[in-house]
Structure formats: C-alpha cells, structure tokens
Amino acid sequence: MQWLFEDSRIDWVELSELYRIAPLGIKPAEHLKLTYANSMHKCFVLDDGRIVGAGRVVGDGRDTAYLCDVVVHPELQGQGLGKARC
C-alpha cells in the first residue's frame, strides 16, 4: 500500500464513491476536493492505484486540531488500516 500526503494524484470521484460505500454518506467530489484542500493535514492510502483509505485534520496551526474524517474501504475495515502509523 502507498501512503500519500498530498492530493495532486487523487481521483475525487473515486474518493466520493469510497465515502458512499464506507458508508460515510454522500459527499460530492468537488466538496471533498475543497474540504481536503482546506485541511491542515491529509493522508490517502492507495492499493494498486485504488483509493482504499483517507483521512484529514483541520486545525489552527498552533494549539488545536480535529480529526475530521477517517474513511476505509469496507473490504479492509476492521484490519487496522484506519489507525495504522504510516
């Protein structure tokens, strides 16, 4: 698996589908692109080029940060991917 910390190679439509099947709701690709762009930290996990996980953190850069999302493909849920250290 490949861990990415920038979003230039992310297929936002694919990530939107991952949120849907996870299931974490319907989040349009453009919505995700904006929310991840505005996040302080972000991480994407790819397996053979397919997005199987993602997460993001928002914060003030000094004192406070919030873990906003952790999404993992249903086939991989419960295996520790969402809490793995990269």
N, C-alpha and C. Protein backbone atom coordinates (compact mmCIF):
# COMPACT_ATOMS: atom_id res chain seq x y z
N MET A 1 0.84 -1.18 0.00
CA MET A 1 0.00 0.00 0.00
C MET A 1 0.88 1.24 0.00
N GLN A 2 0.37 2.26 -0.64
CA GLN A 2 1.11 3.51 -0.76
C GLN A 2 0.38 4.60 0.01
N TRP A 3 1.12 5.32 0.84
CA TRP A 3 0.57 6.42 1.63
C TRP A 3 0.97 7.74 0.98
N LEU A 4 -0.01 8.58 0.69
CA LEU A 4 0.23 9.90 0.08
C LEU A 4 -0.22 10.99 1.04
N PHE A 5 0.54 12.07 1.08
CA PHE A 5 0.21 13.18 1.97
C PHE A 5 -0.06 14.47 1.20
N GLU A 6 -0.29 14.34 -0.06
CA GLU A 6 -0.71 15.47 -0.90
C GLU A 6 -1.76 14.92 -1.87
N ASP A 7 -2.50 15.82 -2.47
CA ASP A 7 -3.68 15.38 -3.22
C ASP A 7 -3.62 15.55 -4.74
N SER A 8 -2.44 15.78 -5.28
CA SER A 8 -2.35 16.04 -6.72
C SER A 8 -2.72 14.83 -7.57
N ARG A 9 -2.62 13.63 -7.02
CA ARG A 9 -2.92 12.41 -7.78
C ARG A 9 -4.27 11.79 -7.41
N ILE A 10 -5.06 12.49 -6.64
CA ILE A 10 -6.30 11.93 -6.14
C ILE A 10 -7.43 12.07 -7.16
N ASP A 11 -8.14 10.99 -7.37
CA ASP A 11 -9.35 10.97 -8.18
C ASP A 11 -10.51 11.26 -7.23
N TRP A 12 -11.03 12.47 -7.26
CA TRP A 12 -12.03 12.90 -6.30
C TRP A 12 -13.35 12.16 -6.46
N VAL A 13 -13.67 11.75 -7.66
CA VAL A 13 -14.88 10.95 -7.89
C VAL A 13 -14.72 9.59 -7.21
N GLU A 14 -13.55 9.01 -7.33
CA GLU A 14 -13.28 7.73 -6.66
C GLU A 14 -13.36 7.87 -5.14
N LEU A 15 -12.82 8.96 -4.61
CA LEU A 15 -12.90 9.18 -3.16
C LEU A 15 -14.35 9.38 -2.73
N SER A 16 -15.13 10.09 -3.51
CA SER A 16 -16.55 10.28 -3.21
C SER A 16 -17.26 8.92 -3.13
N GLU A 17 -16.94 8.04 -4.03
CA GLU A 17 -17.54 6.69 -4.03
C GLU A 17 -17.11 5.91 -2.78
N LEU A 18 -15.86 6.08 -2.37
CA LEU A 18 -15.38 5.42 -1.15
C LEU A 18 -16.19 5.88 0.06
N TYR A 19 -16.43 7.17 0.18
CA TYR A 19 -17.25 7.69 1.28
C TYR A 19 -18.64 7.05 1.24
N ARG A 20 -19.20 6.91 0.04
CA ARG A 20 -20.55 6.36 -0.09
C ARG A 20 -20.61 4.91 0.38
N ILE A 21 -19.64 4.08 -0.04
CA ILE A 21 -19.69 2.66 0.29
C ILE A 21 -19.16 2.35 1.69
N ALA A 22 -18.49 3.31 2.33
CA ALA A 22 -17.84 3.06 3.63
C ALA A 22 -18.78 2.68 4.78
N PRO A 23 -19.93 3.10 5.01
CA PRO A 23 -20.68 4.23 4.46
C PRO A 23 -20.57 5.47 5.36
N LEU A 24 -20.10 6.55 4.77
CA LEU A 24 -20.00 7.82 5.49
C LEU A 24 -20.83 8.91 4.82
N GLY A 25 -21.75 8.51 3.98
CA GLY A 25 -22.67 9.48 3.37
C GLY A 25 -22.27 9.87 1.96
N ILE A 26 -23.11 10.70 1.40
CA ILE A 26 -22.92 11.20 0.03
C ILE A 26 -22.14 12.52 0.12
N LYS A 27 -20.92 12.50 -0.38
CA LYS A 27 -20.09 13.70 -0.40
C LYS A 27 -19.58 13.88 -1.84
N PRO A 28 -20.11 14.87 -2.53
CA PRO A 28 -19.71 15.10 -3.92
C PRO A 28 -18.20 15.34 -4.06
N ALA A 29 -17.67 14.96 -5.20
CA ALA A 29 -16.24 15.07 -5.47
C ALA A 29 -15.73 16.50 -5.24
N GLU A 30 -16.44 17.49 -5.73
CA GLU A 30 -16.00 18.88 -5.58
C GLU A 30 -16.00 19.31 -4.11
N HIS A 31 -16.95 18.80 -3.35
CA HIS A 31 -17.00 19.08 -1.90
C HIS A 31 -15.74 18.51 -1.22
N LEU A 32 -15.41 17.26 -1.53
CA LEU A 32 -14.23 16.62 -0.94
C LEU A 32 -12.95 17.33 -1.35
N LYS A 33 -12.86 17.72 -2.61
CA LYS A 33 -11.66 18.41 -3.09
C LYS A 33 -11.43 19.70 -2.29
N LEU A 34 -12.49 20.44 -2.03
CA LEU A 34 -12.38 21.68 -1.27
C LEU A 34 -12.07 21.41 0.20
N THR A 35 -12.75 20.46 0.82
CA THR A 35 -12.52 20.20 2.24
C THR A 35 -11.11 19.66 2.49
N TYR A 36 -10.62 18.79 1.62
CA TYR A 36 -9.25 18.29 1.79
C TYR A 36 -8.23 19.40 1.52
N ALA A 37 -8.50 20.27 0.54
CA ALA A 37 -7.59 21.39 0.26
C ALA A 37 -7.49 22.33 1.46
N ASN A 38 -8.58 22.48 2.19
CA ASN A 38 -8.61 23.37 3.35
C ASN A 38 -8.19 22.70 4.64
N SER A 39 -7.77 21.45 4.59
CA SER A 39 -7.36 20.72 5.78
C SER A 39 -5.87 20.91 6.05
N MET A 40 -5.52 20.96 7.31
CA MET A 40 -4.12 21.16 7.71
C MET A 40 -3.26 19.94 7.33
N HIS A 41 -3.79 18.77 7.56
CA HIS A 41 -3.10 17.53 7.21
C HIS A 41 -4.07 16.61 6.48
N LYS A 42 -3.53 15.82 5.58
CA LYS A 42 -4.36 14.86 4.85
C LYS A 42 -3.51 13.65 4.51
N CYS A 43 -4.17 12.53 4.39
CA CYS A 43 -3.48 11.30 4.06
C CYS A 43 -4.42 10.44 3.21
N PHE A 44 -3.85 9.82 2.20
CA PHE A 44 -4.60 8.93 1.33
C PHE A 44 -3.83 7.62 1.25
N VAL A 45 -4.56 6.51 1.22
CA VAL A 45 -3.94 5.20 1.11
C VAL A 45 -4.41 4.57 -0.19
N LEU A 46 -3.42 4.19 -1.02
CA LEU A 46 -3.72 3.56 -2.29
C LEU A 46 -3.23 2.12 -2.28
N ASP A 47 -3.99 1.26 -2.88
CA ASP A 47 -3.62 -0.14 -3.04
C ASP A 47 -3.75 -0.46 -4.52
N ASP A 48 -2.65 -0.71 -5.18
CA ASP A 48 -2.63 -0.92 -6.64
C ASP A 48 -3.32 0.23 -7.37
N GLY A 49 -3.08 1.46 -6.91
CA GLY A 49 -3.63 2.64 -7.57
C GLY A 49 -5.05 2.98 -7.17
N ARG A 50 -5.70 2.15 -6.39
CA ARG A 50 -7.09 2.36 -5.97
C ARG A 50 -7.10 2.98 -4.57
N ILE A 51 -7.92 4.00 -4.37
CA ILE A 51 -8.02 4.62 -3.04
C ILE A 51 -8.77 3.68 -2.12
N VAL A 52 -8.11 3.27 -1.03
CA VAL A 52 -8.75 2.37 -0.06
C VAL A 52 -8.89 3.03 1.31
N GLY A 53 -8.32 4.21 1.48
CA GLY A 53 -8.44 4.91 2.75
C GLY A 53 -8.05 6.36 2.61
N ALA A 54 -8.56 7.17 3.52
CA ALA A 54 -8.21 8.59 3.55
C ALA A 54 -8.56 9.16 4.91
N GLY A 55 -7.93 10.26 5.24
CA GLY A 55 -8.23 10.95 6.48
C GLY A 55 -7.74 12.38 6.39
N ARG A 56 -8.28 13.22 7.26
CA ARG A 56 -7.87 14.62 7.26
C ARG A 56 -8.01 15.22 8.64
N VAL A 57 -7.24 16.28 8.87
CA VAL A 57 -7.22 17.00 10.13
C VAL A 57 -7.33 18.49 9.83
N VAL A 58 -8.18 19.18 10.57
CA VAL A 58 -8.23 20.64 10.49
C VAL A 58 -7.72 21.19 11.82
N GLY A 59 -7.12 22.35 11.76
CA GLY A 59 -6.59 22.93 12.99
C GLY A 59 -6.17 24.37 12.79
N ASP A 60 -5.76 24.97 13.90
CA ASP A 60 -5.37 26.37 13.87
C ASP A 60 -3.86 26.56 13.67
N GLY A 61 -3.12 25.47 13.58
CA GLY A 61 -1.70 25.55 13.35
C GLY A 61 -0.86 25.83 14.59
N ARG A 62 -1.51 25.93 15.71
CA ARG A 62 -0.79 26.27 16.93
C ARG A 62 -1.19 25.39 18.10
N ASP A 63 -2.49 25.35 18.39
CA ASP A 63 -2.93 24.75 19.64
C ASP A 63 -3.94 23.62 19.47
N THR A 64 -4.82 23.74 18.51
CA THR A 64 -5.94 22.83 18.41
C THR A 64 -6.04 22.21 17.02
N ALA A 65 -6.33 20.93 16.99
CA ALA A 65 -6.56 20.23 15.73
C ALA A 65 -7.66 19.19 15.94
N TYR A 66 -8.42 18.94 14.90
CA TYR A 66 -9.51 17.99 14.95
C TYR A 66 -9.38 16.97 13.83
N LEU A 67 -9.47 15.71 14.20
CA LEU A 67 -9.54 14.64 13.21
C LEU A 67 -10.96 14.66 12.66
N CYS A 68 -11.08 14.98 11.38
CA CYS A 68 -12.41 15.15 10.78
C CYS A 68 -12.94 13.88 10.15
N ASP A 69 -12.13 13.21 9.41
CA ASP A 69 -12.58 12.04 8.65
C ASP A 69 -11.52 10.95 8.70
N VAL A 70 -11.98 9.74 8.80
CA VAL A 70 -11.17 8.56 8.52
C VAL A 70 -12.10 7.64 7.76
N VAL A 71 -11.79 7.39 6.52
CA VAL A 71 -12.62 6.54 5.68
C VAL A 71 -11.78 5.37 5.18
N VAL A 72 -12.32 4.17 5.31
CA VAL A 72 -11.62 2.95 4.91
C VAL A 72 -12.58 2.09 4.09
N HIS A 73 -12.06 1.53 3.02
CA HIS A 73 -12.87 0.66 2.16
C HIS A 73 -13.47 -0.47 2.99
N PRO A 74 -14.75 -0.80 2.78
CA PRO A 74 -15.40 -1.84 3.57
C PRO A 74 -14.66 -3.18 3.60
N GLU A 75 -13.99 -3.54 2.53
CA GLU A 75 -13.25 -4.81 2.48
C GLU A 75 -12.05 -4.80 3.43
N LEU A 76 -11.60 -3.62 3.84
CA LEU A 76 -10.42 -3.50 4.69
C LEU A 76 -10.75 -3.02 6.10
N GLN A 77 -12.01 -2.71 6.36
CA GLN A 77 -12.40 -2.24 7.69
C GLN A 77 -12.16 -3.35 8.72
N GLY A 78 -11.76 -2.94 9.91
CA GLY A 78 -11.51 -3.88 10.99
C GLY A 78 -10.16 -4.53 10.97
N GLN A 79 -9.29 -4.11 10.04
CA GLN A 79 -7.95 -4.70 9.91
C GLN A 79 -6.86 -3.76 10.40
N GLY A 80 -7.24 -2.60 10.94
CA GLY A 80 -6.24 -1.69 11.50
C GLY A 80 -5.74 -0.60 10.56
N LEU A 81 -6.24 -0.54 9.34
CA LEU A 81 -5.76 0.47 8.40
C LEU A 81 -6.05 1.89 8.90
N GLY A 82 -7.21 2.11 9.48
CA GLY A 82 -7.61 3.44 9.93
C GLY A 82 -6.79 3.97 11.11
N LYS A 83 -6.10 3.09 11.80
CA LYS A 83 -5.28 3.54 12.92
C LYS A 83 -3.80 3.22 12.72
N ALA A 84 -3.45 2.77 11.52
CA ALA A 84 -2.06 2.43 11.21
C ALA A 84 -1.19 3.67 11.22
N ARG A 85 0.02 3.50 11.60
CA ARG A 85 1.02 4.58 11.54
C ARG A 85 1.76 4.44 10.22
N CYS A 86 1.82 5.53 9.51
CA CYS A 86 2.47 5.48 8.20
C CYS A 86 3.94 5.82 8.30
